[in-house]
Amino acid sequence: MANTSARMLRLLNLLQTHRYWPGSELAGKLEVSERTLRRDVERLRDLGYPVDANRGVAGGYQLQSGAAMPPLLLDDEEAVAIAVGLRTAASGAVDGVEETSVRALTKVIQVMPPRLRRRVDALRSFTVRTAWNAGPAVDSGALTVLAQACRDDERLRFTYTARAGERTERLVEPHRLVSLSGRWYLVAWDAERHDWRTFRVDRLGDPRSTGHRFRQRELPGGDAGAFVRDRISSASQPHEVTVTLRVAADDVPAEVRRWGEFTDLGGGSCRLAMKVETFDWPILLLAAIGAEFEVDGPPEFADYVRAAGERFVRGTR
């Protein structure tokens, strides 16, 4: 192989199988001398790839794990599998990695050739998810566009449907994507309303970059997650529900704890606090926990729980 760069990429691809390669066999695969192979291995080490070498007649090479994450080479099937997995994680299937998954997905999609993007889209379109998710479905392609605009400081246009059903065209300077309680939100400066806004991504349509760059403004408070929580708590979640549970906070399943604020009270009890739009979700949460409880407030929620319980009792007669 005359091209040194192409040969090194081929060498890296072979080493990434994590098998031990005898030097003579690896040189034969690359069609180079063992001396040239040693030089190429040294170049990889200079780039941060930890390649171990054993000397001697039976010597060889193996790629080991290192202190930092170097670039990877992926074949078509591996790239598609990673993109599909990241989209699944971004949708909330794996708690706590949604935003990281979107950032990684943005990088993968950006360098993926169109033929592989079509394969990823086909897998998404013809796959039925049966896992229960509290939040509405969000198009991962839209998430990718939003994440790229946040990263590149590019203005965005999109249509937005408000809670009351009003549909408007928006021009914004995107700041951050935030995943909260099963929903995705875009924090952005609205260039036409001259104010910071949060947009639910599932209500957002046809996001497209304008190609115009901007300088990021300072977000009030500096924390995008706290900004979203404050906005949605005051606007769309008027009910503050508190319940005392006869179970320790640490004994509540982790996948349930993400939906509310649990405070350990000692003695095998904890307090659950939630800000909600309707009372349906707290009832589902209490059923999932399966522990004895007392409603602390508000009185309307206590009435709602009592009425729901009576309906269930009547259904068993």
C-alpha atoms as a PDB file:
ATOM      1  CA  MET A   1       0.000   0.000   0.000  1.00  0.00           C
ATOM      2  CA  ALA A   2       1.726   3.150  -1.233  1.00  0.00           C
ATOM      3  CA  ASN A   3      -0.417   5.650   0.692  1.00  0.00           C
ATOM      4  CA  THR A   4       0.902   5.894   4.260  1.00  0.00           C
ATOM      5  CA  SER A   5      -2.274   7.439   5.688  1.00  0.00           C
ATOM      6  CA  ALA A   6      -4.484   4.773   4.112  1.00  0.00           C
ATOM      7  CA  ARG A   7      -2.146   2.060   5.402  1.00  0.00           C
ATOM      8  CA  MET A   8      -2.291   3.416   8.940  1.00  0.00           C
ATOM      9  CA  LEU A   9      -6.085   3.496   8.842  1.00  0.00           C
ATOM     10  CA  ARG A  10      -6.062  -0.115   7.684  1.00  0.00           C
ATOM     11  CA  LEU A  11      -3.611  -0.989  10.489  1.00  0.00           C
ATOM     12  CA  LEU A  12      -5.834   0.728  13.077  1.00  0.00           C
ATOM     13  CA  ASN A  13      -8.880  -1.115  11.779  1.00  0.00           C
ATOM     14  CA  LEU A  14      -7.106  -4.456  12.178  1.00  0.00           C
ATOM     15  CA  LEU A  15      -5.834  -3.618  15.666  1.00  0.00           C
ATOM     16  CA  GLN A  16      -9.327  -2.587  16.828  1.00  0.00           C
ATOM     17  CA  THR A  17     -10.444  -6.197  16.741  1.00  0.00           C
ATOM     18  CA  HIS A  18      -8.478  -6.474  20.034  1.00  0.00           C
ATOM     19  CA  ARG A  19      -6.928  -9.769  18.981  1.00  0.00           C
ATOM     20  CA  TYR A  20      -3.210 -10.355  19.244  1.00  0.00           C
ATOM     21  CA  TRP A  21      -1.506  -9.947  15.875  1.00  0.00           C
ATOM     22  CA  PRO A  22       1.868 -11.645  15.217  1.00  0.00           C
ATOM     23  CA  GLY A  23       4.123  -9.089  13.561  1.00  0.00           C
ATOM     24  CA  SER A  24       4.740 -11.164  10.451  1.00  0.00           C
ATOM     25  CA  GLU A  25       1.010 -11.810   9.919  1.00  0.00           C
ATOM     26  CA  LEU A  26       0.100  -8.140  10.414  1.00  0.00           C
ATOM     27  CA  ALA A  27       2.839  -7.031   8.003  1.00  0.00           C
ATOM     28  CA  GLY A  28       1.551  -9.550   5.471  1.00  0.00           C
ATOM     29  CA  LYS A  29      -1.987  -8.197   5.776  1.00  0.00           C
ATOM     30  CA  LEU A  30      -0.701  -4.705   5.067  1.00  0.00           C
ATOM     31  CA  GLU A  31       1.756  -5.879   2.388  1.00  0.00           C
ATOM     32  CA  VAL A  32       4.682  -4.069   4.025  1.00  0.00           C
ATOM     33  CA  SER A  33       7.917  -5.059   5.705  1.00  0.00           C
ATOM     34  CA  GLU A  34       8.064  -5.579   9.451  1.00  0.00           C
ATOM     35  CA  ARG A  35      10.318  -2.521   9.673  1.00  0.00           C
ATOM     36  CA  THR A  36       7.634  -0.376   8.016  1.00  0.00           C
ATOM     37  CA  LEU A  37       5.066  -1.901  10.344  1.00  0.00           C
ATOM     38  CA  ARG A  38       7.106  -0.854  13.379  1.00  0.00           C
ATOM     39  CA  ARG A  39       7.255   2.743  12.086  1.00  0.00           C
ATOM     40  CA  ASP A  40       3.486   2.792  11.519  1.00  0.00           C
ATOM     41  CA  VAL A  41       2.887   1.476  15.029  1.00  0.00           C
ATOM     42  CA  GLU A  42       5.056   4.278  16.418  1.00  0.00           C
ATOM     43  CA  ARG A  43       2.975   6.822  14.452  1.00  0.00           C
ATOM     44  CA  LEU A  44      -0.200   5.420  16.013  1.00  0.00           C
ATOM     45  CA  ARG A  45       1.340   5.710  19.464  1.00  0.00           C
ATOM     46  CA  ASP A  46       2.218   9.352  18.746  1.00  0.00           C
ATOM     47  CA  LEU A  47      -1.473   9.908  17.967  1.00  0.00           C
ATOM     48  CA  GLY A  48      -2.497   8.497  21.350  1.00  0.00           C
ATOM     49  CA  TYR A  49      -3.295   4.862  20.489  1.00  0.00           C
ATOM     50  CA  PRO A  50      -1.842   2.509  23.164  1.00  0.00           C
ATOM     51  CA  VAL A  51      -0.358  -0.279  21.056  1.00  0.00           C
ATOM     52  CA  ASP A  52       1.506  -2.964  23.023  1.00  0.00           C
ATOM     53  CA  ALA A  53       4.383  -4.791  21.348  1.00  0.00           C
ATOM     54  CA  ASN A  54       6.104  -8.061  22.239  1.00  0.00           C
ATOM     55  CA  ARG A  55       9.641  -8.424  20.920  1.00  0.00           C
ATOM     56  CA  GLY A  56      11.304 -11.537  19.563  1.00  0.00           C
ATOM     57  CA  VAL A  57      10.660 -14.106  16.876  1.00  0.00           C
ATOM     58  CA  ALA A  58       7.045 -14.660  18.012  1.00  0.00           C
ATOM     59  CA  GLY A  59       6.516 -10.994  18.751  1.00  0.00           C
ATOM     60  CA  GLY A  60       3.381  -9.118  17.833  1.00  0.00           C
ATOM     61  CA  TYR A  61       1.033  -6.230  18.524  1.00  0.00           C
ATOM     62  CA  GLN A  62      -2.232  -5.587  20.358  1.00  0.00           C
ATOM     63  CA  LEU A  63      -4.300  -2.455  20.931  1.00  0.00           C
ATOM     64  CA  GLN A  64      -4.972  -1.898  24.631  1.00  0.00           C
ATOM     65  CA  SER A  65      -7.272   0.433  26.545  1.00  0.00           C
ATOM     66  CA  GLY A  66      -5.672   3.766  27.371  1.00  0.00           C
ATOM     67  CA  ALA A  67      -6.131   6.820  29.574  1.00  0.00           C
ATOM     68  CA  ALA A  68      -8.055   8.790  26.940  1.00  0.00           C
ATOM     69  CA  MET A  69     -10.551   7.969  24.201  1.00  0.00           C
ATOM     70  CA  PRO A  70      -8.846   8.068  20.780  1.00  0.00           C
ATOM     71  CA  PRO A  71     -10.816   8.212  17.494  1.00  0.00           C
ATOM     72  CA  LEU A  72     -12.375   4.937  16.330  1.00  0.00           C
ATOM     73  CA  LEU A  73     -12.814   3.370  12.926  1.00  0.00           C
ATOM     74  CA  LEU A  74     -16.192   1.715  12.344  1.00  0.00           C
ATOM     75  CA  ASP A  75     -17.472  -0.411   9.503  1.00  0.00           C
ATOM     76  CA  ASP A  76     -20.938   0.218   8.046  1.00  0.00           C
ATOM     77  CA  GLU A  77     -22.784  -2.238  10.298  1.00  0.00           C
ATOM     78  CA  GLU A  78     -21.079  -0.925  13.430  1.00  0.00           C
ATOM     79  CA  ALA A  79     -21.871   2.694  12.549  1.00  0.00           C
ATOM     80  CA  VAL A  80     -25.544   1.889  11.960  1.00  0.00           C
ATOM     81  CA  ALA A  81     -25.754  -0.086  15.217  1.00  0.00           C
ATOM     82  CA  ILE A  82     -24.223   2.786  17.203  1.00  0.00           C
ATOM     83  CA  ALA A  83     -26.569   5.374  15.642  1.00  0.00           C
ATOM     84  CA  VAL A  84     -29.635   3.227  16.382  1.00  0.00           C
ATOM     85  CA  GLY A  85     -28.457   2.616  19.944  1.00  0.00           C
ATOM     86  CA  LEU A  86     -27.830   6.316  20.529  1.00  0.00           C
ATOM     87  CA  ARG A  87     -31.265   7.196  19.193  1.00  0.00           C
ATOM     88  CA  THR A  88     -32.822   4.703  21.578  1.00  0.00           C
ATOM     89  CA  ALA A  89     -30.872   6.154  24.512  1.00  0.00           C
ATOM     90  CA  ALA A  90     -31.754   9.711  23.447  1.00  0.00           C
ATOM     91  CA  SER A  91     -35.454   8.841  23.565  1.00  0.00           C
ATOM     92  CA  GLY A  92     -35.164   8.139  27.293  1.00  0.00           C
ATOM     93  CA  ALA A  93     -34.768   4.361  27.212  1.00  0.00           C
ATOM     94  CA  VAL A  94     -31.651   4.689  29.396  1.00  0.00           C
ATOM     95  CA  ASP A  95     -32.072   7.017  32.353  1.00  0.00           C
ATOM     96  CA  GLY A  96     -29.492   9.774  32.755  1.00  0.00           C
ATOM     97  CA  VAL A  97     -27.741   9.603  29.368  1.00  0.00           C
ATOM     98  CA  GLU A  98     -30.311  11.308  27.111  1.00  0.00           C
ATOM     99  CA  GLU A  99     -28.409  14.570  26.572  1.00  0.00           C
ATOM    100  CA  THR A 100     -25.036  12.824  26.229  1.00  0.00           C
ATOM    101  CA  SER A 101     -26.585  10.469  23.672  1.00  0.00           C
ATOM    102  CA  VAL A 102     -27.842  13.378  21.577  1.00  0.00           C
ATOM    103  CA  ARG A 103     -24.371  14.971  21.521  1.00  0.00           C
ATOM    104  CA  ALA A 104     -22.792  11.678  20.457  1.00  0.00           C
ATOM    105  CA  LEU A 105     -25.540  11.034  17.895  1.00  0.00           C
ATOM    106  CA  THR A 106     -24.917  14.470  16.392  1.00  0.00           C
ATOM    107  CA  LYS A 107     -21.253  13.620  15.803  1.00  0.00           C
ATOM    108  CA  VAL A 108     -22.020  10.199  14.304  1.00  0.00           C
ATOM    109  CA  ILE A 109     -24.766  11.447  11.965  1.00  0.00           C
ATOM    110  CA  GLN A 110     -22.649  14.377  10.777  1.00  0.00           C
ATOM    111  CA  VAL A 111     -19.959  12.125   9.273  1.00  0.00           C
ATOM    112  CA  MET A 112     -22.266   9.297   8.174  1.00  0.00           C
ATOM    113  CA  PRO A 113     -22.727   8.933   4.379  1.00  0.00           C
ATOM    114  CA  PRO A 114     -26.287   9.265   3.018  1.00  0.00           C
ATOM    115  CA  ARG A 115     -26.630   5.538   2.274  1.00  0.00           C
ATOM    116  CA  LEU A 116     -26.042   4.714   5.970  1.00  0.00           C
ATOM    117  CA  ARG A 117     -28.371   7.482   7.144  1.00  0.00           C
ATOM    118  CA  ARG A 118     -31.108   5.893   5.040  1.00  0.00           C
ATOM    119  CA  ARG A 119     -30.486   2.553   6.746  1.00  0.00           C
ATOM    120  CA  VAL A 120     -30.740   4.140  10.180  1.00  0.00           C
ATOM    121  CA  ASP A 121     -33.964   5.938   9.206  1.00  0.00           C
ATOM    122  CA  ALA A 122     -35.425   2.695   7.845  1.00  0.00           C
ATOM    123  CA  LEU A 123     -34.680   0.857  11.078  1.00  0.00           C
ATOM    124  CA  ARG A 124     -36.345   3.637  13.060  1.00  0.00           C
ATOM    125  CA  SER A 125     -39.405   3.786  10.775  1.00  0.00           C
ATOM    126  CA  PHE A 126     -40.083   0.070  10.786  1.00  0.00           C
ATOM    127  CA  THR A 127     -39.328  -0.716  14.422  1.00  0.00           C
ATOM    128  CA  VAL A 128     -42.116  -0.784  16.989  1.00  0.00           C
ATOM    129  CA  ARG A 129     -41.137   0.157  20.541  1.00  0.00           C
ATOM    130  CA  THR A 130     -43.199  -1.492  23.247  1.00  0.00           C
ATOM    131  CA  ALA A 131     -41.421  -0.013  26.271  1.00  0.00           C
ATOM    132  CA  TRP A 132     -43.545   2.358  28.319  1.00  0.00           C
ATOM    133  CA  ASN A 133     -42.291   5.910  28.266  1.00  0.00           C
ATOM    134  CA  ALA A 134     -43.990   8.758  30.090  1.00  0.00           C
ATOM    135  CA  GLY A 135     -42.930  11.385  27.572  1.00  0.00           C
ATOM    136  CA  PRO A 136     -44.145  11.969  24.027  1.00  0.00           C
ATOM    137  CA  ALA A 137     -42.173  10.601  21.082  1.00  0.00           C
ATOM    138  CA  VAL A 138     -39.576  12.992  19.653  1.00  0.00           C
ATOM    139  CA  ASP A 139     -37.994  12.693  16.228  1.00  0.00           C
ATOM    140  CA  SER A 140     -34.291  11.989  16.723  1.00  0.00           C
ATOM    141  CA  GLY A 141     -33.533  13.699  13.411  1.00  0.00           C
ATOM    142  CA  ALA A 142     -34.992  16.924  14.808  1.00  0.00           C
ATOM    143  CA  LEU A 143     -32.938  16.472  17.977  1.00  0.00           C
ATOM    144  CA  THR A 144     -29.812  16.147  15.851  1.00  0.00           C
ATOM    145  CA  VAL A 145     -30.583  19.391  13.962  1.00  0.00           C
ATOM    146  CA  LEU A 146     -31.186  21.231  17.242  1.00  0.00           C
ATOM    147  CA  ALA A 147     -28.036  19.870  18.856  1.00  0.00           C
ATOM    148  CA  GLN A 148     -25.901  20.859  15.865  1.00  0.00           C
ATOM    149  CA  ALA A 149     -27.324  24.385  15.927  1.00  0.00           C
ATOM    150  CA  CYS A 150     -26.588  24.675  19.670  1.00  0.00           C
ATOM    151  CA  ARG A 151     -23.057  23.457  19.086  1.00  0.00           C
ATOM    152  CA  ASP A 152     -22.354  25.661  16.041  1.00  0.00           C
ATOM    153  CA  ASP A 153     -24.092  28.837  17.330  1.00  0.00           C
ATOM    154  CA  GLU A 154     -26.399  28.992  14.292  1.00  0.00           C
ATOM    155  CA  ARG A 155     -29.839  30.568  14.244  1.00  0.00           C
ATOM    156  CA  LEU A 156     -32.799  28.228  13.762  1.00  0.00           C
ATOM    157  CA  ARG A 157     -36.237  28.506  12.197  1.00  0.00           C
ATOM    158  CA  PHE A 158     -39.090  26.150  13.079  1.00  0.00           C
ATOM    159  CA  THR A 159     -42.833  26.020  13.524  1.00  0.00           C
ATOM    160  CA  TYR A 160     -44.153  25.766  17.057  1.00  0.00           C
ATOM    161  CA  THR A 161     -47.552  24.694  18.336  1.00  0.00           C
ATOM    162  CA  ALA A 162     -48.415  26.243  21.702  1.00  0.00           C
ATOM    163  CA  ARG A 163     -50.400  24.479  24.391  1.00  0.00           C
ATOM    164  CA  ALA A 164     -53.609  26.188  23.246  1.00  0.00           C
ATOM    165  CA  GLY A 165     -53.041  24.994  19.673  1.00  0.00           C
ATOM    166  CA  GLU A 166     -51.775  28.258  18.162  1.00  0.00           C
ATOM    167  CA  ARG A 167     -49.146  27.584  15.477  1.00  0.00           C
ATOM    168  CA  THR A 168     -46.378  30.152  14.895  1.00  0.00           C
ATOM    169  CA  GLU A 169     -43.092  30.472  13.015  1.00  0.00           C
ATOM    170  CA  ARG A 170     -40.087  31.072  15.286  1.00  0.00           C
ATOM    171  CA  LEU A 171     -36.579  32.414  14.734  1.00  0.00           C
ATOM    172  CA  VAL A 172     -34.287  31.621  17.675  1.00  0.00           C
ATOM    173  CA  GLU A 173     -30.710  31.507  18.882  1.00  0.00           C
ATOM    174  CA  PRO A 174     -30.477  28.000  20.379  1.00  0.00           C
ATOM    175  CA  HIS A 175     -28.630  27.591  23.665  1.00  0.00           C
ATOM    176  CA  ARG A 176     -29.139  24.082  25.131  1.00  0.00           C
ATOM    177  CA  LEU A 177     -31.244  20.940  24.846  1.00  0.00           C
ATOM    178  CA  VAL A 178     -32.606  19.702  28.188  1.00  0.00           C
ATOM    179  CA  SER A 179     -34.196  16.322  28.947  1.00  0.00           C
ATOM    180  CA  LEU A 180     -36.593  16.506  31.887  1.00  0.00           C
ATOM    181  CA  SER A 181     -39.279  14.078  33.101  1.00  0.00           C
ATOM    182  CA  GLY A 182     -39.558  12.220  29.820  1.00  0.00           C
ATOM    183  CA  ARG A 183     -39.706  15.358  27.652  1.00  0.00           C
ATOM    184  CA  TRP A 184     -37.126  17.285  25.603  1.00  0.00           C
ATOM    185  CA  TYR A 185     -36.925  21.075  25.788  1.00  0.00           C
ATOM    186  CA  LEU A 186     -34.961  23.599  23.734  1.00  0.00           C
ATOM    187  CA  VAL A 187     -33.710  26.644  25.646  1.00  0.00           C
ATOM    188  CA  ALA A 188     -33.244  29.524  23.213  1.00  0.00           C
ATOM    189  CA  TRP A 189     -33.271  33.286  22.807  1.00  0.00           C
ATOM    190  CA  ASP A 190     -36.303  34.249  20.712  1.00  0.00           C
ATOM    191  CA  ALA A 191     -34.890  36.730  18.200  1.00  0.00           C
ATOM    192  CA  GLU A 192     -38.291  38.239  17.371  1.00  0.00           C
ATOM    193  CA  ARG A 193     -39.771  38.367  20.889  1.00  0.00           C
ATOM    194  CA  HIS A 194     -36.452  39.433  22.442  1.00  0.00           C
ATOM    195  CA  ASP A 195     -36.640  37.083  25.423  1.00  0.00           C
ATOM    196  CA  TRP A 196     -35.453  33.689  26.651  1.00  0.00           C
ATOM    197  CA  ARG A 197     -37.947  30.899  25.941  1.00  0.00           C
ATOM    198  CA  THR A 198     -38.297  27.144  26.409  1.00  0.00           C
ATOM    199  CA  PHE A 199     -39.803  25.054  23.620  1.00  0.00           C
ATOM    200  CA  ARG A 200     -41.082  21.501  23.949  1.00  0.00           C
ATOM    201  CA  VAL A 201     -39.370  19.610  21.153  1.00  0.00           C
ATOM    202  CA  ASP A 202     -42.395  17.362  20.508  1.00  0.00           C
ATOM    203  CA  ARG A 203     -44.387  20.518  19.625  1.00  0.00           C
ATOM    204  CA  LEU A 204     -41.656  21.807  17.346  1.00  0.00           C
ATOM    205  CA  GLY A 205     -41.795  21.160  13.593  1.00  0.00           C
ATOM    206  CA  ASP A 206     -39.424  21.379  10.612  1.00  0.00           C
ATOM    207  CA  PRO A 207     -36.341  22.732  12.424  1.00  0.00           C
ATOM    208  CA  ARG A 208     -33.803  24.129   9.959  1.00  0.00           C
ATOM    209  CA  SER A 209     -30.605  26.090  10.315  1.00  0.00           C
ATOM    210  CA  THR A 210     -30.483  29.531   8.699  1.00  0.00           C
ATOM    211  CA  GLY A 211     -26.708  29.387   8.294  1.00  0.00           C
ATOM    212  CA  HIS A 212     -26.359  32.664  10.223  1.00  0.00           C
ATOM    213  CA  ARG A 213     -24.018  32.561  13.218  1.00  0.00           C
ATOM    214  CA  PHE A 214     -24.558  34.428  16.491  1.00  0.00           C
ATOM    215  CA  ARG A 215     -22.720  35.109  19.734  1.00  0.00           C
ATOM    216  CA  GLN A 216     -24.174  33.223  22.705  1.00  0.00           C
ATOM    217  CA  ARG A 217     -25.933  35.352  25.311  1.00  0.00           C
ATOM    218  CA  GLU A 218     -25.684  34.735  29.041  1.00  0.00           C
ATOM    219  CA  LEU A 219     -28.619  32.633  30.243  1.00  0.00           C
ATOM    220  CA  PRO A 220     -30.233  33.980  33.446  1.00  0.00           C
ATOM    221  CA  GLY A 221     -28.935  31.849  36.303  1.00  0.00           C
ATOM    222  CA  GLY A 222     -26.515  30.044  33.987  1.00  0.00           C
ATOM    223  CA  ASP A 223     -28.163  26.611  34.473  1.00  0.00           C
ATOM    224  CA  ALA A 224     -30.316  25.491  31.533  1.00  0.00           C
ATOM    225  CA  GLY A 225     -31.838  22.596  33.493  1.00  0.00           C
ATOM    226  CA  ALA A 226     -32.920  24.845  36.383  1.00  0.00           C
ATOM    227  CA  PHE A 227     -34.240  27.394  33.883  1.00  0.00           C
ATOM    228  CA  VAL A 228     -36.514  24.784  32.273  1.00  0.00           C
ATOM    229  CA  ARG A 229     -37.715  23.453  35.638  1.00  0.00           C
ATOM    230  CA  ASP A 230     -38.665  26.947  36.789  1.00  0.00           C
ATOM    231  CA  ARG A 231     -40.516  27.750  33.564  1.00  0.00           C
ATOM    232  CA  ILE A 232     -42.570  24.570  33.345  1.00  0.00           C
ATOM    233  CA  SER A 233     -43.347  24.548  37.070  1.00  0.00           C
ATOM    234  CA  SER A 234     -44.926  27.993  36.917  1.00  0.00           C
ATOM    235  CA  ALA A 235     -46.598  27.625  33.516  1.00  0.00           C
ATOM    236  CA  SER A 236     -47.861  24.088  33.009  1.00  0.00           C
ATOM    237  CA  GLN A 237     -47.668  22.272  36.346  1.00  0.00           C
ATOM    238  CA  PRO A 238     -49.977  24.155  38.731  1.00  0.00           C
ATOM    239  CA  HIS A 239     -50.475  21.316  41.258  1.00  0.00           C
ATOM    240  CA  GLU A 240     -47.866  20.561  43.926  1.00  0.00           C
ATOM    241  CA  VAL A 241     -48.518  17.071  45.294  1.00  0.00           C
ATOM    242  CA  THR A 242     -46.882  15.801  48.489  1.00  0.00           C
ATOM    243  CA  VAL A 243     -47.247  12.260  49.822  1.00  0.00           C
ATOM    244  CA  THR A 244     -45.684  10.422  52.782  1.00  0.00           C
ATOM    245  CA  LEU A 245     -44.663   6.899  51.806  1.00  0.00           C
ATOM    246  CA  ARG A 246     -44.037   3.988  54.198  1.00  0.00           C
ATOM    247  CA  VAL A 247     -40.812   3.046  52.434  1.00  0.00           C
ATOM    248  CA  ALA A 248     -37.247   4.357  52.592  1.00  0.00           C
ATOM    249  CA  ALA A 249     -36.255   6.625  49.707  1.00  0.00           C
ATOM    250  CA  ASP A 250     -33.354   4.318  48.767  1.00  0.00           C
ATOM    251  CA  ASP A 251     -35.787   1.402  48.422  1.00  0.00           C
ATOM    252  CA  VAL A 252     -37.826   3.176  45.760  1.00  0.00           C
ATOM    253  CA  PRO A 253     -36.780   1.823  42.324  1.00  0.00           C
ATOM    254  CA  ALA A 254     -34.346   4.128  40.510  1.00  0.00           C
ATOM    255  CA  GLU A 255     -36.542   4.293  37.400  1.00  0.00           C
ATOM    256  CA  VAL A 256     -39.358   5.663  39.600  1.00  0.00           C
ATOM    257  CA  ARG A 257     -37.267   8.186  41.580  1.00  0.00           C
ATOM    258  CA  ARG A 258     -36.556  10.196  38.440  1.00  0.00           C
ATOM    259  CA  TRP A 259     -40.191  11.369  38.259  1.00  0.00           C
ATOM    260  CA  GLY A 260     -40.355  13.120  41.616  1.00  0.00           C
ATOM    261  CA  GLU A 261     -38.364  14.500  44.532  1.00  0.00           C
ATOM    262  CA  PHE A 262     -37.947  11.929  47.320  1.00  0.00           C
ATOM    263  CA  THR A 263     -36.819  13.023  50.796  1.00  0.00           C
ATOM    264  CA  ASP A 264     -35.919  10.354  53.350  1.00  0.00           C
ATOM    265  CA  LEU A 265     -37.713  10.895  56.683  1.00  0.00           C
ATOM    266  CA  GLY A 266     -36.057   8.075  58.593  1.00  0.00           C
ATOM    267  CA  GLY A 267     -37.807   5.115  60.161  1.00  0.00           C
ATOM    268  CA  GLY A 268     -38.492   3.525  56.790  1.00  0.00           C
ATOM    269  CA  SER A 269     -40.475   6.484  55.423  1.00  0.00           C
ATOM    270  CA  CYS A 270     -39.950   9.172  52.807  1.00  0.00           C
ATOM    271  CA  ARG A 271     -41.791  12.131  51.332  1.00  0.00           C
ATOM    272  CA  LEU A 272     -42.611  12.426  47.631  1.00  0.00           C
ATOM    273  CA  ALA A 273     -43.064  15.902  46.151  1.00  0.00           C
ATOM    274  CA  MET A 274     -44.184  16.479  42.559  1.00  0.00           C
ATOM    275  CA  LYS A 275     -45.343  19.430  40.476  1.00  0.00           C
ATOM    276  CA  VAL A 276     -47.839  18.098  37.950  1.00  0.00           C
ATOM    277  CA  GLU A 277     -50.306  19.218  35.329  1.00  0.00           C
ATOM    278  CA  THR A 278     -52.915  16.571  36.218  1.00  0.00           C
ATOM    279  CA  PHE A 279     -53.336  14.059  39.065  1.00  0.00           C
ATOM    280  CA  ASP A 280     -53.178  10.996  36.787  1.00  0.00           C
ATOM    281  CA  TRP A 281     -49.397  10.682  36.831  1.00  0.00           C
ATOM    282  CA  PRO A 282     -48.931  10.740  40.674  1.00  0.00           C
ATOM    283  CA  ILE A 283     -51.503   7.937  40.975  1.00  0.00           C
ATOM    284  CA  LEU A 284     -49.598   5.814  38.451  1.00  0.00           C
ATOM    285  CA  LEU A 285     -46.383   6.528  40.337  1.00  0.00           C
ATOM    286  CA  LEU A 286     -47.871   5.479  43.687  1.00  0.00           C
ATOM    287  CA  ALA A 287     -49.170   2.277  42.114  1.00  0.00           C
ATOM    288  CA  ALA A 288     -45.698   1.543  40.718  1.00  0.00           C
ATOM    289  CA  ILE A 289     -44.088   2.016  44.155  1.00  0.00           C
ATOM    290  CA  GLY A 290     -46.619  -0.294  45.804  1.00  0.00           C
ATOM    291  CA  ALA A 291     -46.176   1.003  49.371  1.00  0.00           C
ATOM    292  CA  GLU A 292     -48.617   2.315  51.993  1.00  0.00           C
ATOM    293  CA  PHE A 293     -48.934   6.103  51.833  1.00  0.00           C
ATOM    294  CA  GLU A 294     -50.735   9.180  53.168  1.00  0.00           C
ATOM    295  CA  VAL A 295     -51.632  12.189  51.025  1.00  0.00           C
ATOM    296  CA  ASP A 296     -50.282  15.388  52.602  1.00  0.00           C
ATOM    297  CA  GLY A 297     -51.767  17.710  49.984  1.00  0.00           C
ATOM    298  CA  PRO A 298     -53.437  19.248  48.226  1.00  0.00           C
ATOM    299  CA  PRO A 299     -56.965  18.269  49.339  1.00  0.00           C
ATOM    300  CA  GLU A 300     -58.018  17.981  45.680  1.00  0.00           C
ATOM    301  CA  PHE A 301     -55.494  15.198  45.163  1.00  0.00           C
ATOM    302  CA  ALA A 302     -56.748  13.346  48.252  1.00  0.00           C
ATOM    303  CA  ASP A 303     -60.264  13.489  46.793  1.00  0.00           C
ATOM    304  CA  TYR A 304     -58.962  12.288  43.434  1.00  0.00           C
ATOM    305  CA  VAL A 305     -57.165   9.311  45.021  1.00  0.00           C
ATOM    306  CA  ARG A 306     -60.266   8.424  47.070  1.00  0.00           C
ATOM    307  CA  ALA A 307     -62.507   8.506  43.982  1.00  0.00           C
ATOM    308  CA  ALA A 308     -60.035   6.449  41.966  1.00  0.00           C
ATOM    309  CA  GLY A 309     -59.799   3.871  44.754  1.00  0.00           C
ATOM    310  CA  GLU A 310     -63.565   3.548  44.920  1.00  0.00           C
ATOM    311  CA  ARG A 311     -63.729   2.931  41.170  1.00  0.00           C
ATOM    312  CA  PHE A 312     -61.169   0.150  41.468  1.00  0.00           C
ATOM    313  CA  VAL A 313     -63.049  -1.436  44.363  1.00  0.00           C
ATOM    314  CA  ARG A 314     -66.313  -1.369  42.386  1.00  0.00           C
ATOM    315  CA  GLY A 315     -64.525  -3.005  39.476  1.00  0.00           C
ATOM    316  CA  THR A 316     -63.658  -6.069  41.603  1.00  0.00           C
ATOM    317  CA  ARG A 317     -67.246  -6.834  42.668  1.00  0.00           C
END
